[in-house]
C-alpha atoms as a PDB file:
ATOM      1  CA  UNK A   1     101.659-112.465 -53.877  1.00  0.00           C
ATOM      2  CA  UNK A   2     101.965-115.554 -52.034  1.00  0.00           C
ATOM      3  CA  UNK A   3     104.769-116.936 -54.550  1.00  0.00           C
ATOM      4  CA  UNK A   4     106.732-113.938 -54.014  1.00  0.00           C
ATOM      5  CA  UNK A   5     106.469-114.269 -50.576  1.00  0.00           C
ATOM      6  CA  UNK A   6     107.716-117.800 -50.360  1.00  0.00           C
ATOM      7  CA  UNK A   7     110.467-116.794 -52.293  1.00  0.00           C
ATOM      8  CA  UNK A   8     111.581-114.102 -50.017  1.00  0.00           C
ATOM      9  CA  UNK A   9     111.421-116.872 -47.288  1.00  0.00           C
ATOM     10  CA  UNK A  10     113.433-119.110 -49.207  1.00  0.00           C
ATOM     11  CA  UNK A  11     116.110-116.403 -50.551  1.00  0.00           C
ATOM     12  CA  UNK A  12     116.448-114.963 -46.935  1.00  0.00           C
ATOM     13  CA  UNK A  13     120.101-114.259 -46.657  1.00  0.00           C
ATOM     14  CA  UNK A  14     120.117-113.248 -42.597  1.00  0.00           C
ATOM     15  CA  UNK A  15     118.223-114.146 -39.422  1.00  0.00           C
ATOM     16  CA  UNK A  16     116.506-111.038 -39.567  1.00  0.00           C
ATOM     17  CA  UNK A  17     115.559-111.133 -42.918  1.00  0.00           C
ATOM     18  CA  UNK A  18     114.025-114.851 -42.676  1.00  0.00           C
ATOM     19  CA  UNK A  19     112.313-113.820 -39.512  1.00  0.00           C
ATOM     20  CA  UNK A  20     110.893-110.390 -41.293  1.00  0.00           C
ATOM     21  CA  UNK A  21     109.967-112.614 -44.727  1.00  0.00           C
ATOM     22  CA  UNK A  22     108.300-115.444 -42.418  1.00  0.00           C
ATOM     23  CA  UNK A  23     105.955-112.752 -40.635  1.00  0.00           C
ATOM     24  CA  UNK A  24     105.018-111.496 -44.227  1.00  0.00           C
ATOM     25  CA  UNK A  25     104.235-114.976 -45.480  1.00  0.00           C
ATOM     26  CA  UNK A  26     102.226-115.883 -42.296  1.00  0.00           C
ATOM     27  CA  UNK A  27      99.950-112.575 -42.266  1.00  0.00           C
ATOM     28  CA  UNK A  28      98.555-113.500 -45.326  1.00  0.00           C
ATOM     29  CA  UNK A  29      96.911-116.696 -44.361  1.00  0.00           C
ATOM     30  CA  UNK A  30      96.961-118.413 -47.471  1.00  0.00           C
ATOM     31  CA  UNK A  31      97.025-122.357 -47.379  1.00  0.00           C
ATOM     32  CA  UNK A  32      99.498-122.552 -49.938  1.00  0.00           C
ATOM     33  CA  UNK A  33     102.042-120.978 -47.424  1.00  0.00           C
ATOM     34  CA  UNK A  34     101.413-124.192 -45.126  1.00  0.00           C
ATOM     35  CA  UNK A  35     104.505-126.142 -46.498  1.00  0.00           C
ATOM     36  CA  UNK A  36     107.120-123.043 -46.542  1.00  0.00           C
ATOM     37  CA  UNK A  37     105.862-122.143 -42.830  1.00  0.00           C
ATOM     38  CA  UNK A  38     106.737-125.828 -42.073  1.00  0.00           C
ATOM     39  CA  UNK A  39     110.106-125.914 -43.560  1.00  0.00           C
ATOM     40  CA  UNK A  40     110.657-122.799 -41.445  1.00  0.00           C
ATOM     41  CA  UNK A  41     110.167-124.665 -38.403  1.00  0.00           C
ATOM     42  CA  UNK A  42     113.390-126.672 -39.141  1.00  0.00           C
ATOM     43  CA  UNK A  43     115.254-123.738 -39.238  1.00  0.00           C
ATOM     44  CA  UNK A  44     117.695-122.418 -36.532  1.00  0.00           C
ATOM     45  CA  UNK A  45     115.984-119.266 -35.969  1.00  0.00           C
ATOM     46  CA  UNK A  46     113.606-119.220 -33.263  1.00  0.00           C
ATOM     47  CA  UNK A  47     111.792-115.638 -34.137  1.00  0.00           C
ATOM     48  CA  UNK A  48     110.958-116.994 -37.383  1.00  0.00           C
ATOM     49  CA  UNK A  49     109.596-120.489 -36.034  1.00  0.00           C
ATOM     50  CA  UNK A  50     107.378-118.522 -33.424  1.00  0.00           C
ATOM     51  CA  UNK A  51     106.184-116.247 -36.287  1.00  0.00           C
ATOM     52  CA  UNK A  52     105.540-119.883 -38.653  1.00  0.00           C
ATOM     53  CA  UNK A  53     103.829-121.216 -35.906  1.00  0.00           C
ATOM     54  CA  UNK A  54     101.267-118.335 -35.593  1.00  0.00           C
ATOM     55  CA  UNK A  55     100.584-118.303 -39.352  1.00  0.00           C
ATOM     56  CA  UNK A  56     100.037-122.167 -39.183  1.00  0.00           C
ATOM     57  CA  UNK A  57      97.695-121.639 -36.425  1.00  0.00           C
ATOM     58  CA  UNK A  58      95.585-119.104 -38.106  1.00  0.00           C
ATOM     59  CA  UNK A  59      95.619-121.347 -41.060  1.00  0.00           C
ATOM     60  CA  UNK A  60      93.808-123.928 -38.643  1.00  0.00           C
ATOM     61  CA  UNK A  61      93.106-127.369 -40.134  1.00  0.00           C
ATOM     62  CA  UNK A  62      94.256-126.310 -43.532  1.00  0.00           C
ATOM     63  CA  UNK A  63      97.750-126.514 -41.981  1.00  0.00           C
ATOM     64  CA  UNK A  64      97.541-130.042 -40.418  1.00  0.00           C
ATOM     65  CA  UNK A  65      98.408-132.453 -43.202  1.00  0.00           C
ATOM     66  CA  UNK A  66     101.335-130.209 -44.248  1.00  0.00           C
ATOM     67  CA  UNK A  67     102.593-130.419 -40.659  1.00  0.00           C
ATOM     68  CA  UNK A  68     102.105-134.015 -40.040  1.00  0.00           C
ATOM     69  CA  UNK A  69     103.649-134.685 -43.898  1.00  0.00           C
ATOM     70  CA  UNK A  70     106.702-132.846 -43.098  1.00  0.00           C
ATOM     71  CA  UNK A  71     107.508-134.225 -39.103  1.00  0.00           C
ATOM     72  CA  UNK A  72     111.020-135.552 -39.260  1.00  0.00           C
ATOM     73  CA  UNK A  73     112.032-137.357 -36.062  1.00  0.00           C
ATOM     74  CA  UNK A  74     115.666-136.554 -36.805  1.00  0.00           C
ATOM     75  CA  UNK A  75     114.989-132.802 -36.418  1.00  0.00           C
ATOM     76  CA  UNK A  76     114.257-132.307 -32.820  1.00  0.00           C
ATOM     77  CA  UNK A  77     113.855-128.470 -32.955  1.00  0.00           C
ATOM     78  CA  UNK A  78     111.201-128.676 -35.885  1.00  0.00           C
ATOM     79  CA  UNK A  79     109.212-131.420 -34.101  1.00  0.00           C
ATOM     80  CA  UNK A  80     109.039-129.433 -31.079  1.00  0.00           C
ATOM     81  CA  UNK A  81     107.305-126.544 -32.685  1.00  0.00           C
ATOM     82  CA  UNK A  82     105.428-128.682 -34.948  1.00  0.00           C
ATOM     83  CA  UNK A  83     103.960-130.179 -31.803  1.00  0.00           C
ATOM     84  CA  UNK A  84     102.854-126.356 -30.667  1.00  0.00           C
ATOM     85  CA  UNK A  85     101.239-126.034 -33.828  1.00  0.00           C
ATOM     86  CA  UNK A  86      99.284-128.914 -33.652  1.00  0.00           C
ATOM     87  CA  UNK A  87      98.180-127.741 -29.928  1.00  0.00           C
ATOM     88  CA  UNK A  88      96.962-124.715 -31.186  1.00  0.00           C
ATOM     89  CA  UNK A  89      94.873-125.643 -34.140  1.00  0.00           C
ATOM     90  CA  UNK A  90      93.171-128.427 -32.000  1.00  0.00           C
ATOM     91  CA  UNK A  91      92.616-130.620 -34.842  1.00  0.00           C
ATOM     92  CA  UNK A  92      92.461-134.157 -33.626  1.00  0.00           C
ATOM     93  CA  UNK A  93      94.630-135.739 -36.698  1.00  0.00           C
ATOM     94  CA  UNK A  94      97.148-134.199 -34.137  1.00  0.00           C
ATOM     95  CA  UNK A  95      96.027-136.215 -31.341  1.00  0.00           C
ATOM     96  CA  UNK A  96      98.883-138.920 -31.719  1.00  0.00           C
ATOM     97  CA  UNK A  97     101.494-136.807 -31.803  1.00  0.00           C
ATOM     98  CA  UNK A  98     100.190-134.540 -28.874  1.00  0.00           C
ATOM     99  CA  UNK A  99      99.921-137.950 -26.870  1.00  0.00           C
ATOM    100  CA  UNK A 100     103.573-139.017 -27.971  1.00  0.00           C
ATOM    101  CA  UNK A 101     105.093-135.418 -27.261  1.00  0.00           C
ATOM    102  CA  UNK A 102     103.630-135.168 -23.664  1.00  0.00           C
ATOM    103  CA  UNK A 103     104.783-138.838 -22.620  1.00  0.00           C
ATOM    104  CA  UNK A 104     108.090-138.975 -24.138  1.00  0.00           C
ATOM    105  CA  UNK A 105     109.307-135.540 -25.583  1.00  0.00           C
ATOM    106  CA  UNK A 106     112.679-134.146 -23.454  1.00  0.00           C
ATOM    107  CA  UNK A 107     111.480-130.721 -23.659  1.00  0.00           C
ATOM    108  CA  UNK A 108     109.299-129.688 -20.830  1.00  0.00           C
ATOM    109  CA  UNK A 109     107.592-126.505 -22.682  1.00  0.00           C
ATOM    110  CA  UNK A 110     106.907-128.848 -25.534  1.00  0.00           C
ATOM    111  CA  UNK A 111     105.030-131.396 -22.955  1.00  0.00           C
ATOM    112  CA  UNK A 112     103.406-128.546 -21.272  1.00  0.00           C
ATOM    113  CA  UNK A 113     102.165-127.179 -25.049  1.00  0.00           C
ATOM    114  CA  UNK A 114     100.781-130.885 -25.722  1.00  0.00           C
ATOM    115  CA  UNK A 115      99.010-131.562 -22.462  1.00  0.00           C
ATOM    116  CA  UNK A 116      97.049-128.007 -23.076  1.00  0.00           C
ATOM    117  CA  UNK A 117      96.717-129.059 -26.479  1.00  0.00           C
ATOM    118  CA  UNK A 118      94.851-132.404 -25.593  1.00  0.00           C
ATOM    119  CA  UNK A 119      92.508-130.512 -23.518  1.00  0.00           C
ATOM    120  CA  UNK A 120      91.272-128.378 -26.495  1.00  0.00           C
ATOM    121  CA  UNK A 121      90.791-130.874 -29.181  1.00  0.00           C
ATOM    122  CA  UNK A 122      88.130-129.968 -31.582  1.00  0.00           C
ATOM    123  CA  UNK A 123      85.753-132.585 -31.901  1.00  0.00           C
ATOM    124  CA  UNK A 124      82.588-131.455 -33.226  1.00  0.00           C
ATOM    125  CA  UNK A 125      82.859-133.064 -36.576  1.00  0.00           C
ATOM    126  CA  UNK A 126      82.783-136.336 -35.045  1.00  0.00           C
ATOM    127  CA  UNK A 127      80.351-138.783 -34.067  1.00  0.00           C
ATOM    128  CA  UNK A 128      79.220-138.750 -30.324  1.00  0.00           C
ATOM    129  CA  UNK A 129      81.204-142.444 -29.735  1.00  0.00           C
ATOM    130  CA  UNK A 130      84.369-141.129 -31.581  1.00  0.00           C
ATOM    131  CA  UNK A 131      84.274-138.075 -29.210  1.00  0.00           C
ATOM    132  CA  UNK A 132      83.946-140.070 -26.262  1.00  0.00           C
ATOM    133  CA  UNK A 133      86.811-141.892 -27.623  1.00  0.00           C
ATOM    134  CA  UNK A 134      89.224-139.332 -28.238  1.00  0.00           C
ATOM    135  CA  UNK A 135      88.584-137.574 -25.032  1.00  0.00           C
ATOM    136  CA  UNK A 136      89.128-140.982 -23.148  1.00  0.00           C
ATOM    137  CA  UNK A 137      92.512-140.881 -24.900  1.00  0.00           C
ATOM    138  CA  UNK A 138      93.198-137.120 -23.950  1.00  0.00           C
ATOM    139  CA  UNK A 139      92.134-137.765 -20.392  1.00  0.00           C
ATOM    140  CA  UNK A 140      94.577-140.977 -20.337  1.00  0.00           C
ATOM    141  CA  UNK A 141      97.399-139.362 -21.365  1.00  0.00           C
ATOM    142  CA  UNK A 142      96.734-136.134 -18.883  1.00  0.00           C
ATOM    143  CA  UNK A 143      96.395-138.535 -16.112  1.00  0.00           C
ATOM    144  CA  UNK A 144      99.834-139.627 -16.788  1.00  0.00           C
ATOM    145  CA  UNK A 145     101.042-136.467 -17.263  1.00  0.00           C
ATOM    146  CA  UNK A 146     100.177-135.464 -13.629  1.00  0.00           C
ATOM    147  CA  UNK A 147     103.239-137.390 -12.495  1.00  0.00           C
ATOM    148  CA  UNK A 148     105.553-135.679 -14.806  1.00  0.00           C
ATOM    149  CA  UNK A 149     108.595-134.384 -13.077  1.00  0.00           C
ATOM    150  CA  UNK A 150     108.621-130.947 -14.222  1.00  0.00           C
ATOM    151  CA  UNK A 151     105.790-128.499 -12.581  1.00  0.00           C
ATOM    152  CA  UNK A 152     105.551-126.540 -15.618  1.00  0.00           C
ATOM    153  CA  UNK A 153     104.380-129.611 -17.517  1.00  0.00           C
ATOM    154  CA  UNK A 154     102.057-130.098 -14.511  1.00  0.00           C
ATOM    155  CA  UNK A 155     100.703-126.703 -15.034  1.00  0.00           C
ATOM    156  CA  UNK A 156      99.564-127.331 -18.596  1.00  0.00           C
ATOM    157  CA  UNK A 157      98.303-130.621 -17.347  1.00  0.00           C
ATOM    158  CA  UNK A 158      96.085-128.932 -15.132  1.00  0.00           C
ATOM    159  CA  UNK A 159      95.177-126.564 -17.887  1.00  0.00           C
ATOM    160  CA  UNK A 160      94.182-129.518 -20.055  1.00  0.00           C
ATOM    161  CA  UNK A 161      92.330-131.373 -17.519  1.00  0.00           C
ATOM    162  CA  UNK A 162      90.387-128.225 -16.543  1.00  0.00           C
ATOM    163  CA  UNK A 163      89.422-127.670 -20.482  1.00  0.00           C
ATOM    164  CA  UNK A 164      88.569-130.935 -21.116  1.00  0.00           C
ATOM    165  CA  UNK A 165      86.191-131.386 -17.913  1.00  0.00           C
ATOM    166  CA  UNK A 166      84.281-128.697 -19.292  1.00  0.00           C
ATOM    167  CA  UNK A 167      83.720-130.512 -22.739  1.00  0.00           C
ATOM    168  CA  UNK A 168      82.195-133.881 -20.922  1.00  0.00           C
ATOM    169  CA  UNK A 169      78.966-134.541 -19.347  1.00  0.00           C
ATOM    170  CA  UNK A 170      78.775-133.097 -15.837  1.00  0.00           C
ATOM    171  CA  UNK A 171      79.434-135.908 -13.099  1.00  0.00           C
ATOM    172  CA  UNK A 172      80.135-138.609 -15.748  1.00  0.00           C
ATOM    173  CA  UNK A 173      83.111-141.110 -15.658  1.00  0.00           C
ATOM    174  CA  UNK A 174      85.615-138.831 -17.532  1.00  0.00           C
ATOM    175  CA  UNK A 175      84.378-135.529 -15.666  1.00  0.00           C
ATOM    176  CA  UNK A 176      85.002-137.674 -12.160  1.00  0.00           C
ATOM    177  CA  UNK A 177      88.438-138.573 -13.318  1.00  0.00           C
ATOM    178  CA  UNK A 178      89.466-135.238 -14.296  1.00  0.00           C
ATOM    179  CA  UNK A 179      88.270-134.175 -10.972  1.00  0.00           C
ATOM    180  CA  UNK A 180      90.151-136.477  -8.997  1.00  0.00           C
ATOM    181  CA  UNK A 181      93.312-135.750 -11.071  1.00  0.00           C
ATOM    182  CA  UNK A 182      92.872-131.899 -10.506  1.00  0.00           C
ATOM    183  CA  UNK A 183      92.413-132.934  -6.830  1.00  0.00           C
ATOM    184  CA  UNK A 184      95.715-134.801  -6.935  1.00  0.00           C
ATOM    185  CA  UNK A 185      97.337-132.050  -7.926  1.00  0.00           C
ATOM    186  CA  UNK A 186      95.505-129.397  -5.461  1.00  0.00           C
ATOM    187  CA  UNK A 187      96.946-130.749  -2.588  1.00  0.00           C
ATOM    188  CA  UNK A 188     100.576-131.417  -0.819  1.00  0.00           C
ATOM    189  CA  UNK A 189     102.210-133.253  -0.498  1.00  0.00           C
ATOM    190  CA  UNK A 190     101.320-134.846  -3.938  1.00  0.00           C
ATOM    191  CA  UNK A 191     101.884-131.780  -5.453  1.00  0.00           C
ATOM    192  CA  UNK A 192     105.115-129.980  -3.861  1.00  0.00           C
ATOM    193  CA  UNK A 193     104.525-126.878  -6.202  1.00  0.00           C
ATOM    194  CA  UNK A 194     102.783-124.224  -4.805  1.00  0.00           C
ATOM    195  CA  UNK A 195     101.667-122.260  -8.376  1.00  0.00           C
ATOM    196  CA  UNK A 196     100.400-126.069  -9.796  1.00  0.00           C
ATOM    197  CA  UNK A 197      98.415-126.255  -6.422  1.00  0.00           C
ATOM    198  CA  UNK A 198      96.924-123.021  -6.613  1.00  0.00           C
ATOM    199  CA  UNK A 199      95.864-123.228 -10.542  1.00  0.00           C
ATOM    200  CA  UNK A 200      94.585-126.845 -10.053  1.00  0.00           C
ATOM    201  CA  UNK A 201      92.243-125.612  -6.685  1.00  0.00           C
ATOM    202  CA  UNK A 202      90.928-122.677  -9.169  1.00  0.00           C
ATOM    203  CA  UNK A 203      90.411-125.237 -11.812  1.00  0.00           C
ATOM    204  CA  UNK A 204      88.119-127.160  -9.269  1.00  0.00           C
ATOM    205  CA  UNK A 205      86.506-124.073  -8.428  1.00  0.00           C
ATOM    206  CA  UNK A 206      85.461-123.335 -11.786  1.00  0.00           C
ATOM    207  CA  UNK A 207      84.037-126.702 -12.393  1.00  0.00           C
ATOM    208  CA  UNK A 208      81.953-126.758  -9.235  1.00  0.00           C
ATOM    209  CA  UNK A 209      80.612-123.046 -10.099  1.00  0.00           C
END
């Protein structure tokens, strides 16, 4: 069945046909569909790309290697969608891509997705020392993201910082650094966008509860 659905994606002759075929392929949640879904990310069809991202996220860790293997720095659109997929999956193998996206991607929505993803990496399978090292890298990337020029990115950074702080030892250094970063985003004139200040203040209240 999956092979037939893949064939339908490959033979789609219209934007609507590609969208419907991709939705059908994504719904089966078969690891064999991952490579085809990754290919769809590079097509000029945002609707199909959203469906492909949703399908890859549902596949979880099984989709990470196909995504990383097919990343094409020359195809910005595909890379941007891939960042969203990796952020949603939360696998540590996507760490470097998320770090780079938050620091350098030209698209604010992509940087925002990367910021959210850095706060939600699933590290249960790692040794304690490895977890600490990865969370430190995430924290440093998010601290730098506090200075992003786009408020939507800083909003994502708030989300990432809160999620990260909830996973580390309360009152430890990473926790305190996350709190300080949130505090800076909760106050004017350091943060000039009210919605970011409000979201950062909410995060602080949640951490202190």
